[in-house]
Amino acid sequence: MDPARSSAGKPGRDAAPALGLPVGAGISGLIFDLDGTLYRQGPVRRAMLWRLLQAGAGRPVSTWRDWRLIHYYRKAQEHLRNCPEPLASRQLRLACDWSGQDPEQAAKVITHWMEDAPLEEVARYVRPGIADFLEVARSRGMRLGLVSDYPATRKLQAMGLGDYFSVVLTAQDARVGLFKPSPNGLKAALEDLGVEPGSAVYIGDRPSVDGETAHRAGVAGVILDQPRGSNGRGWIGVPDVPSLSALLMI
């Protein structure tokens, strides 16, 4: 069994004390993952695939090369997660080595398909209820941060959520340098927010990545899109934002 994922068959609230999950006024800071957490990643990826197919109708060869590069770019990230020193800066170089593409042209392709083109879709598929949740949390004096494996600022702006976060860190930042589940980004965010690990909650969408990140940083984690009552090493699962709000008493 994956140590990062299990189900105890009991309500998430029952697992909270064992995890050390702070709730209500005991929470000083909330730190979020971005992709798949603040927006629904499945619909965005399907929309982007459709756009890529449409582009392929006019230039099939170059579009196939673009798709192949994107495939290897994502594969490189997962490969680097498991390396002893998974430097984020190596991702593009590794994708170019595997796909045989020129680094300068590859950088343009990745910028277009991974950073520019998705902005409209990201805005369309903001996770239901997340803006209201952030508003309530901020109104209660909770400090809000975000840690992402990819550039985050433009996506946050597209979703209308940028003003909620006083700290935004990515794997490309010199202080971080590593992809999750490295705890570097989460620890740096805690430091910048001035929040102790025991009074913080990290919220993500992947048990094996975000749950493990929380565990390594000594922070209680909550993973969205999970069955109610599921839990694993360092995390508790909830299906949606209303369940998150109820669990954290926000």
C-alpha atoms as a PDB file:
ATOM      1  CA  MET A   1       0.000   0.000   0.000  1.00  0.00           C
ATOM      2  CA  ASP A   2       1.182   3.521  -0.820  1.00  0.00           C
ATOM      3  CA  PRO A   3       2.272   4.952   2.564  1.00  0.00           C
ATOM      4  CA  ALA A   4       1.091   8.363   1.434  1.00  0.00           C
ATOM      5  CA  ARG A   5      -2.465   7.133   0.913  1.00  0.00           C
ATOM      6  CA  SER A   6      -4.847   5.109   3.043  1.00  0.00           C
ATOM      7  CA  SER A   7      -8.392   5.177   4.342  1.00  0.00           C
ATOM      8  CA  ALA A   8      -9.208   4.635   7.961  1.00  0.00           C
ATOM      9  CA  GLY A   9     -12.923   4.460   7.340  1.00  0.00           C
ATOM     10  CA  LYS A  10     -13.704   7.207   9.889  1.00  0.00           C
ATOM     11  CA  PRO A  11     -14.744  10.830   9.463  1.00  0.00           C
ATOM     12  CA  GLY A  12     -11.925  13.227   8.655  1.00  0.00           C
ATOM     13  CA  ARG A  13     -12.600  15.167  11.876  1.00  0.00           C
ATOM     14  CA  ASP A  14     -11.786  12.024  13.890  1.00  0.00           C
ATOM     15  CA  ALA A  15      -8.335  11.863  12.282  1.00  0.00           C
ATOM     16  CA  ALA A  16      -7.617  15.546  12.932  1.00  0.00           C
ATOM     17  CA  PRO A  17      -6.347  15.229  16.537  1.00  0.00           C
ATOM     18  CA  ALA A  18      -3.882  12.473  15.643  1.00  0.00           C
ATOM     19  CA  LEU A  19      -2.594  14.568  12.758  1.00  0.00           C
ATOM     20  CA  GLY A  20      -2.316  17.679  14.904  1.00  0.00           C
ATOM     21  CA  LEU A  21      -4.633  19.564  12.553  1.00  0.00           C
ATOM     22  CA  PRO A  22      -5.348  23.050  13.892  1.00  0.00           C
ATOM     23  CA  VAL A  23      -8.902  24.303  13.434  1.00  0.00           C
ATOM     24  CA  GLY A  24     -10.777  27.578  13.799  1.00  0.00           C
ATOM     25  CA  ALA A  25      -8.923  30.175  15.832  1.00  0.00           C
ATOM     26  CA  GLY A  26      -5.997  27.763  16.180  1.00  0.00           C
ATOM     27  CA  ILE A  27      -5.069  28.367  12.524  1.00  0.00           C
ATOM     28  CA  SER A  28      -2.619  31.212  11.909  1.00  0.00           C
ATOM     29  CA  GLY A  29      -1.796  30.437   8.300  1.00  0.00           C
ATOM     30  CA  LEU A  30      -3.115  28.541   5.286  1.00  0.00           C
ATOM     31  CA  ILE A  31      -0.760  27.595   2.457  1.00  0.00           C
ATOM     32  CA  PHE A  32      -2.115  26.323  -0.847  1.00  0.00           C
ATOM     33  CA  ASP A  33      -0.908  24.378  -3.837  1.00  0.00           C
ATOM     34  CA  LEU A  34      -2.058  25.907  -7.141  1.00  0.00           C
ATOM     35  CA  ASP A  35      -2.578  23.493 -10.043  1.00  0.00           C
ATOM     36  CA  GLY A  36      -5.481  21.159  -9.358  1.00  0.00           C
ATOM     37  CA  THR A  37      -6.168  22.840  -6.017  1.00  0.00           C
ATOM     38  CA  LEU A  38      -7.361  26.358  -6.802  1.00  0.00           C
ATOM     39  CA  TYR A  39      -8.726  25.288 -10.170  1.00  0.00           C
ATOM     40  CA  ARG A  40     -10.008  22.021 -11.643  1.00  0.00           C
ATOM     41  CA  GLN A  41      -7.050  20.646 -13.548  1.00  0.00           C
ATOM     42  CA  GLY A  42      -8.874  17.885 -15.460  1.00  0.00           C
ATOM     43  CA  PRO A  43     -11.151  20.204 -17.478  1.00  0.00           C
ATOM     44  CA  VAL A  44      -8.261  22.595 -18.115  1.00  0.00           C
ATOM     45  CA  ARG A  45      -6.057  19.838 -19.518  1.00  0.00           C
ATOM     46  CA  ARG A  46      -8.876  18.551 -21.721  1.00  0.00           C
ATOM     47  CA  ALA A  47      -9.498  22.060 -23.052  1.00  0.00           C
ATOM     48  CA  MET A  48      -5.806  22.501 -23.781  1.00  0.00           C
ATOM     49  CA  LEU A  49      -5.651  19.153 -25.571  1.00  0.00           C
ATOM     50  CA  TRP A  50      -8.550  20.271 -27.769  1.00  0.00           C
ATOM     51  CA  ARG A  51      -6.706  23.506 -28.558  1.00  0.00           C
ATOM     52  CA  LEU A  52      -3.607  21.540 -29.462  1.00  0.00           C
ATOM     53  CA  LEU A  53      -5.623  19.292 -31.783  1.00  0.00           C
ATOM     54  CA  GLN A  54      -7.169  22.338 -33.446  1.00  0.00           C
ATOM     55  CA  ALA A  55      -3.710  23.809 -33.976  1.00  0.00           C
ATOM     56  CA  GLY A  56      -2.620  20.507 -35.495  1.00  0.00           C
ATOM     57  CA  ALA A  57      -5.173  20.820 -38.289  1.00  0.00           C
ATOM     58  CA  GLY A  58      -3.140  23.618 -39.839  1.00  0.00           C
ATOM     59  CA  ARG A  59       0.385  22.515 -38.932  1.00  0.00           C
ATOM     60  CA  PRO A  60       0.331  18.832 -38.013  1.00  0.00           C
ATOM     61  CA  VAL A  61       4.079  18.194 -37.938  1.00  0.00           C
ATOM     62  CA  SER A  62       5.039  21.126 -35.714  1.00  0.00           C
ATOM     63  CA  THR A  63       2.036  20.517 -33.452  1.00  0.00           C
ATOM     64  CA  TRP A  64       3.055  16.890 -33.009  1.00  0.00           C
ATOM     65  CA  ARG A  65       6.526  18.105 -32.007  1.00  0.00           C
ATOM     66  CA  ASP A  66       4.959  20.525 -29.526  1.00  0.00           C
ATOM     67  CA  TRP A  67       2.806  17.774 -28.005  1.00  0.00           C
ATOM     68  CA  ARG A  68       5.814  15.470 -27.740  1.00  0.00           C
ATOM     69  CA  LEU A  69       7.843  18.171 -25.970  1.00  0.00           C
ATOM     70  CA  ILE A  70       5.010  18.900 -23.511  1.00  0.00           C
ATOM     71  CA  HIS A  71       4.722  15.178 -22.796  1.00  0.00           C
ATOM     72  CA  TYR A  72       8.410  14.938 -21.986  1.00  0.00           C
ATOM     73  CA  TYR A  73       8.329  18.195 -20.022  1.00  0.00           C
ATOM     74  CA  ARG A  74       5.707  16.772 -17.679  1.00  0.00           C
ATOM     75  CA  LYS A  75       7.507  13.440 -17.553  1.00  0.00           C
ATOM     76  CA  ALA A  76      10.735  15.236 -16.634  1.00  0.00           C
ATOM     77  CA  GLN A  77       9.046  16.852 -13.664  1.00  0.00           C
ATOM     78  CA  GLU A  78       7.840  13.524 -12.284  1.00  0.00           C
ATOM     79  CA  HIS A  79      11.311  12.057 -12.874  1.00  0.00           C
ATOM     80  CA  LEU A  80      12.961  14.929 -11.023  1.00  0.00           C
ATOM     81  CA  ARG A  81      10.639  14.569  -8.043  1.00  0.00           C
ATOM     82  CA  ASN A  82      12.302  11.230  -7.319  1.00  0.00           C
ATOM     83  CA  CYS A  83      15.908  12.367  -7.709  1.00  0.00           C
ATOM     84  CA  PRO A  84      18.049  13.132  -4.646  1.00  0.00           C
ATOM     85  CA  GLU A  85      18.450  16.721  -5.864  1.00  0.00           C
ATOM     86  CA  PRO A  86      15.491  17.371  -8.193  1.00  0.00           C
ATOM     87  CA  LEU A  87      16.510  20.834  -9.365  1.00  0.00           C
ATOM     88  CA  ALA A  88      13.607  22.561 -11.105  1.00  0.00           C
ATOM     89  CA  SER A  89      16.007  24.261 -13.505  1.00  0.00           C
ATOM     90  CA  ARG A  90      16.837  20.872 -15.062  1.00  0.00           C
ATOM     91  CA  GLN A  91      13.292  20.198 -16.253  1.00  0.00           C
ATOM     92  CA  LEU A  92      13.464  21.928 -19.634  1.00  0.00           C
ATOM     93  CA  ARG A  93      16.945  20.627 -20.391  1.00  0.00           C
ATOM     94  CA  LEU A  94      15.886  17.071 -19.637  1.00  0.00           C
ATOM     95  CA  ALA A  95      12.750  17.414 -21.795  1.00  0.00           C
ATOM     96  CA  CYS A  96      14.923  18.691 -24.666  1.00  0.00           C
ATOM     97  CA  ASP A  97      17.340  15.777 -24.268  1.00  0.00           C
ATOM     98  CA  TRP A  98      14.485  13.279 -24.420  1.00  0.00           C
ATOM     99  CA  SER A  99      12.579  14.948 -27.274  1.00  0.00           C
ATOM    100  CA  GLY A 100      15.578  16.077 -29.311  1.00  0.00           C
ATOM    101  CA  GLN A 101      14.306  19.655 -29.529  1.00  0.00           C
ATOM    102  CA  ASP A 102      16.345  22.843 -29.559  1.00  0.00           C
ATOM    103  CA  PRO A 103      16.304  24.463 -26.086  1.00  0.00           C
ATOM    104  CA  GLU A 104      15.572  27.988 -27.353  1.00  0.00           C
ATOM    105  CA  GLN A 105      12.569  26.884 -29.413  1.00  0.00           C
ATOM    106  CA  ALA A 106      11.452  24.491 -26.691  1.00  0.00           C
ATOM    107  CA  ALA A 107      11.361  27.336 -24.157  1.00  0.00           C
ATOM    108  CA  LYS A 108       8.999  29.273 -26.446  1.00  0.00           C
ATOM    109  CA  VAL A 109       6.727  26.244 -26.865  1.00  0.00           C
ATOM    110  CA  ILE A 110       6.555  25.611 -23.116  1.00  0.00           C
ATOM    111  CA  THR A 111       5.885  29.274 -22.374  1.00  0.00           C
ATOM    112  CA  HIS A 112       3.013  29.314 -24.867  1.00  0.00           C
ATOM    113  CA  TRP A 113       1.300  26.011 -24.041  1.00  0.00           C
ATOM    114  CA  MET A 114       2.070  25.772 -20.326  1.00  0.00           C
ATOM    115  CA  GLU A 115       1.918  29.424 -19.220  1.00  0.00           C
ATOM    116  CA  ASP A 116       0.133  31.680 -21.756  1.00  0.00           C
ATOM    117  CA  ALA A 117      -2.555  29.574 -23.430  1.00  0.00           C
ATOM    118  CA  PRO A 118      -4.024  27.997 -20.260  1.00  0.00           C
ATOM    119  CA  LEU A 119      -4.870  31.338 -18.608  1.00  0.00           C
ATOM    120  CA  GLU A 120      -8.332  31.619 -20.154  1.00  0.00           C
ATOM    121  CA  GLU A 121      -9.199  28.033 -19.214  1.00  0.00           C
ATOM    122  CA  VAL A 122      -7.806  28.392 -15.684  1.00  0.00           C
ATOM    123  CA  ALA A 123     -10.097  31.375 -15.163  1.00  0.00           C
ATOM    124  CA  ARG A 124     -13.068  29.366 -16.434  1.00  0.00           C
ATOM    125  CA  TYR A 125     -12.479  26.417 -14.099  1.00  0.00           C
ATOM    126  CA  VAL A 126     -11.737  28.070 -10.754  1.00  0.00           C
ATOM    127  CA  ARG A 127     -12.625  25.571  -8.029  1.00  0.00           C
ATOM    128  CA  PRO A 128     -16.181  26.234  -6.822  1.00  0.00           C
ATOM    129  CA  GLY A 129     -16.297  27.993  -3.476  1.00  0.00           C
ATOM    130  CA  ILE A 130     -12.573  28.719  -3.203  1.00  0.00           C
ATOM    131  CA  ALA A 131     -12.855  32.525  -3.512  1.00  0.00           C
ATOM    132  CA  ASP A 132     -15.438  32.694  -0.719  1.00  0.00           C
ATOM    133  CA  PHE A 133     -13.299  30.397   1.430  1.00  0.00           C
ATOM    134  CA  LEU A 134     -10.244  32.624   0.968  1.00  0.00           C
ATOM    135  CA  GLU A 135     -12.304  35.715   1.731  1.00  0.00           C
ATOM    136  CA  VAL A 136     -13.577  34.294   5.013  1.00  0.00           C
ATOM    137  CA  ALA A 137     -10.129  33.027   6.019  1.00  0.00           C
ATOM    138  CA  ARG A 138      -8.570  36.422   5.352  1.00  0.00           C
ATOM    139  CA  SER A 139     -11.340  38.218   7.236  1.00  0.00           C
ATOM    140  CA  ARG A 140     -10.487  36.094  10.285  1.00  0.00           C
ATOM    141  CA  GLY A 141      -6.881  37.221  10.201  1.00  0.00           C
ATOM    142  CA  MET A 142      -5.379  34.061   8.743  1.00  0.00           C
ATOM    143  CA  ARG A 143      -2.237  34.627   6.694  1.00  0.00           C
ATOM    144  CA  LEU A 144      -2.425  33.093   3.224  1.00  0.00           C
ATOM    145  CA  GLY A 145       0.423  31.734   1.115  1.00  0.00           C
ATOM    146  CA  LEU A 146       0.893  29.643  -2.005  1.00  0.00           C
ATOM    147  CA  VAL A 147       3.604  27.192  -3.068  1.00  0.00           C
ATOM    148  CA  SER A 148       3.632  25.897  -6.653  1.00  0.00           C
ATOM    149  CA  ASP A 149       5.893  23.805  -8.834  1.00  0.00           C
ATOM    150  CA  TYR A 150       5.191  26.171 -11.747  1.00  0.00           C
ATOM    151  CA  PRO A 151       5.012  29.976 -12.196  1.00  0.00           C
ATOM    152  CA  ALA A 152       1.905  31.124 -10.355  1.00  0.00           C
ATOM    153  CA  THR A 153       1.390  34.891 -10.498  1.00  0.00           C
ATOM    154  CA  ARG A 154      -0.352  35.147 -13.874  1.00  0.00           C
ATOM    155  CA  LYS A 155      -2.635  32.204 -13.125  1.00  0.00           C
ATOM    156  CA  LEU A 156      -3.646  33.767  -9.824  1.00  0.00           C
ATOM    157  CA  GLN A 157      -4.390  37.049 -11.582  1.00  0.00           C
ATOM    158  CA  ALA A 158      -6.433  35.264 -14.267  1.00  0.00           C
ATOM    159  CA  MET A 159      -8.526  33.577 -11.588  1.00  0.00           C
ATOM    160  CA  GLY A 160      -8.991  36.812  -9.655  1.00  0.00           C
ATOM    161  CA  LEU A 161      -7.307  35.325  -6.584  1.00  0.00           C
ATOM    162  CA  GLY A 162      -3.950  37.087  -6.576  1.00  0.00           C
ATOM    163  CA  ASP A 163      -4.805  39.662  -3.918  1.00  0.00           C
ATOM    164  CA  TYR A 164      -5.510  37.007  -1.301  1.00  0.00           C
ATOM    165  CA  PHE A 165      -1.941  35.725  -1.055  1.00  0.00           C
ATOM    166  CA  SER A 166       0.790  37.692   0.698  1.00  0.00           C
ATOM    167  CA  VAL A 167       3.411  35.021  -0.081  1.00  0.00           C
ATOM    168  CA  VAL A 168       3.766  33.211  -3.427  1.00  0.00           C
ATOM    169  CA  LEU A 169       6.709  30.862  -3.998  1.00  0.00           C
ATOM    170  CA  THR A 170       7.539  28.490  -6.858  1.00  0.00           C
ATOM    171  CA  ALA A 171      10.083  25.750  -7.492  1.00  0.00           C
ATOM    172  CA  GLN A 172      11.880  28.140  -9.844  1.00  0.00           C
ATOM    173  CA  ASP A 173      12.681  30.548  -6.992  1.00  0.00           C
ATOM    174  CA  ALA A 174      16.305  30.395  -5.847  1.00  0.00           C
ATOM    175  CA  ARG A 175      15.202  29.820  -2.235  1.00  0.00           C
ATOM    176  CA  VAL A 176      13.216  26.740  -3.265  1.00  0.00           C
ATOM    177  CA  GLY A 177      14.903  25.132  -6.267  1.00  0.00           C
ATOM    178  CA  LEU A 178      13.232  21.746  -5.814  1.00  0.00           C
ATOM    179  CA  PHE A 179       9.935  20.244  -6.811  1.00  0.00           C
ATOM    180  CA  LYS A 180       7.525  18.893  -4.241  1.00  0.00           C
ATOM    181  CA  PRO A 181       7.530  16.698  -2.218  1.00  0.00           C
ATOM    182  CA  SER A 182      10.630  18.613  -1.151  1.00  0.00           C
ATOM    183  CA  PRO A 183       9.498  20.725   1.818  1.00  0.00           C
ATOM    184  CA  ASN A 184      11.699  23.674   0.791  1.00  0.00           C
ATOM    185  CA  GLY A 185       8.887  25.794  -0.606  1.00  0.00           C
ATOM    186  CA  LEU A 186       6.491  25.095   2.235  1.00  0.00           C
ATOM    187  CA  LYS A 187       9.121  25.837   4.877  1.00  0.00           C
ATOM    188  CA  ALA A 188      10.078  29.081   3.132  1.00  0.00           C
ATOM    189  CA  ALA A 189       6.420  30.113   2.948  1.00  0.00           C
ATOM    190  CA  LEU A 190       5.986  29.479   6.680  1.00  0.00           C
ATOM    191  CA  GLU A 191       9.021  31.635   7.386  1.00  0.00           C
ATOM    192  CA  ASP A 192       7.795  34.470   5.174  1.00  0.00           C
ATOM    193  CA  LEU A 193       4.316  34.355   6.680  1.00  0.00           C
ATOM    194  CA  GLY A 194       5.702  34.266  10.200  1.00  0.00           C
ATOM    195  CA  VAL A 195       3.664  31.154  11.009  1.00  0.00           C
ATOM    196  CA  GLU A 196       4.722  28.159  13.093  1.00  0.00           C
ATOM    197  CA  PRO A 197       4.191  24.710  11.497  1.00  0.00           C
ATOM    198  CA  GLY A 198       1.822  23.648  14.265  1.00  0.00           C
ATOM    199  CA  SER A 199      -0.596  26.487  13.544  1.00  0.00           C
ATOM    200  CA  ALA A 200      -0.569  26.087   9.746  1.00  0.00           C
ATOM    201  CA  VAL A 201      -2.438  23.916   7.268  1.00  0.00           C
ATOM    202  CA  TYR A 202      -1.211  23.013   3.782  1.00  0.00           C
ATOM    203  CA  ILE A 203      -3.944  22.361   1.203  1.00  0.00           C
ATOM    204  CA  GLY A 204      -3.285  20.449  -2.026  1.00  0.00           C
ATOM    205  CA  ASP A 205      -4.785  17.858  -4.356  1.00  0.00           C
ATOM    206  CA  ARG A 206      -2.280  14.978  -4.611  1.00  0.00           C
ATOM    207  CA  PRO A 207      -1.641  12.670  -1.633  1.00  0.00           C
ATOM    208  CA  SER A 208       1.704  11.380  -2.903  1.00  0.00           C
ATOM    209  CA  VAL A 209       2.988  14.898  -3.637  1.00  0.00           C
ATOM    210  CA  ASP A 210       1.161  17.444  -1.473  1.00  0.00           C
ATOM    211  CA  GLY A 211       0.472  15.066   1.388  1.00  0.00           C
ATOM    212  CA  GLU A 212       4.113  14.018   1.484  1.00  0.00           C
ATOM    213  CA  THR A 213       5.224  17.663   1.266  1.00  0.00           C
ATOM    214  CA  ALA A 214       3.141  18.489   4.323  1.00  0.00           C
ATOM    215  CA  HIS A 215       4.528  15.489   6.203  1.00  0.00           C
ATOM    216  CA  ARG A 216       8.164  16.425   5.465  1.00  0.00           C
ATOM    217  CA  ALA A 217       7.563  20.027   6.542  1.00  0.00           C
ATOM    218  CA  GLY A 218       5.847  19.012   9.770  1.00  0.00           C
ATOM    219  CA  VAL A 219       2.597  20.701   8.725  1.00  0.00           C
ATOM    220  CA  ALA A 220      -0.894  19.192   8.777  1.00  0.00           C
ATOM    221  CA  GLY A 221      -2.137  18.622   5.231  1.00  0.00           C
ATOM    222  CA  VAL A 222      -5.608  18.518   3.696  1.00  0.00           C
ATOM    223  CA  ILE A 223      -6.064  16.972   0.262  1.00  0.00           C
ATOM    224  CA  LEU A 224      -9.014  17.934  -1.925  1.00  0.00           C
ATOM    225  CA  ASP A 225     -10.928  15.597  -4.274  1.00  0.00           C
ATOM    226  CA  GLN A 226     -10.568  12.683  -1.839  1.00  0.00           C
ATOM    227  CA  PRO A 227     -13.308  10.544  -0.307  1.00  0.00           C
ATOM    228  CA  ARG A 228     -14.627  11.863   2.971  1.00  0.00           C
ATOM    229  CA  GLY A 229     -12.819  10.081   5.798  1.00  0.00           C
ATOM    230  CA  SER A 230      -9.708   9.188   3.796  1.00  0.00           C
ATOM    231  CA  ASN A 231      -6.346   9.969   5.338  1.00  0.00           C
ATOM    232  CA  GLY A 232      -2.684   9.078   5.051  1.00  0.00           C
ATOM    233  CA  ARG A 233       0.733  10.054   6.303  1.00  0.00           C
ATOM    234  CA  GLY A 234       0.498  13.762   7.021  1.00  0.00           C
ATOM    235  CA  TRP A 235      -2.914  14.420   5.458  1.00  0.00           C
ATOM    236  CA  ILE A 236      -6.685  14.218   5.710  1.00  0.00           C
ATOM    237  CA  GLY A 237      -8.898  14.016   2.619  1.00  0.00           C
ATOM    238  CA  VAL A 238     -12.000  16.050   1.799  1.00  0.00           C
ATOM    239  CA  PRO A 239     -14.082  15.974  -1.392  1.00  0.00           C
ATOM    240  CA  ASP A 240     -14.638  19.712  -1.900  1.00  0.00           C
ATOM    241  CA  VAL A 241     -14.368  23.227  -0.496  1.00  0.00           C
ATOM    242  CA  PRO A 242     -17.506  23.070   1.702  1.00  0.00           C
ATOM    243  CA  SER A 243     -16.053  19.946   3.348  1.00  0.00           C
ATOM    244  CA  LEU A 244     -12.715  21.740   3.761  1.00  0.00           C
ATOM    245  CA  SER A 245     -14.463  24.665   5.420  1.00  0.00           C
ATOM    246  CA  ALA A 246     -16.337  22.348   7.790  1.00  0.00           C
ATOM    247  CA  LEU A 247     -13.199  20.384   8.691  1.00  0.00           C
ATOM    248  CA  LEU A 248     -11.163  23.498   9.479  1.00  0.00           C
ATOM    249  CA  MET A 249     -14.132  25.326  11.068  1.00  0.00           C
ATOM    250  CA  ILE A 250     -13.657  28.309   8.775  1.00  0.00           C
END
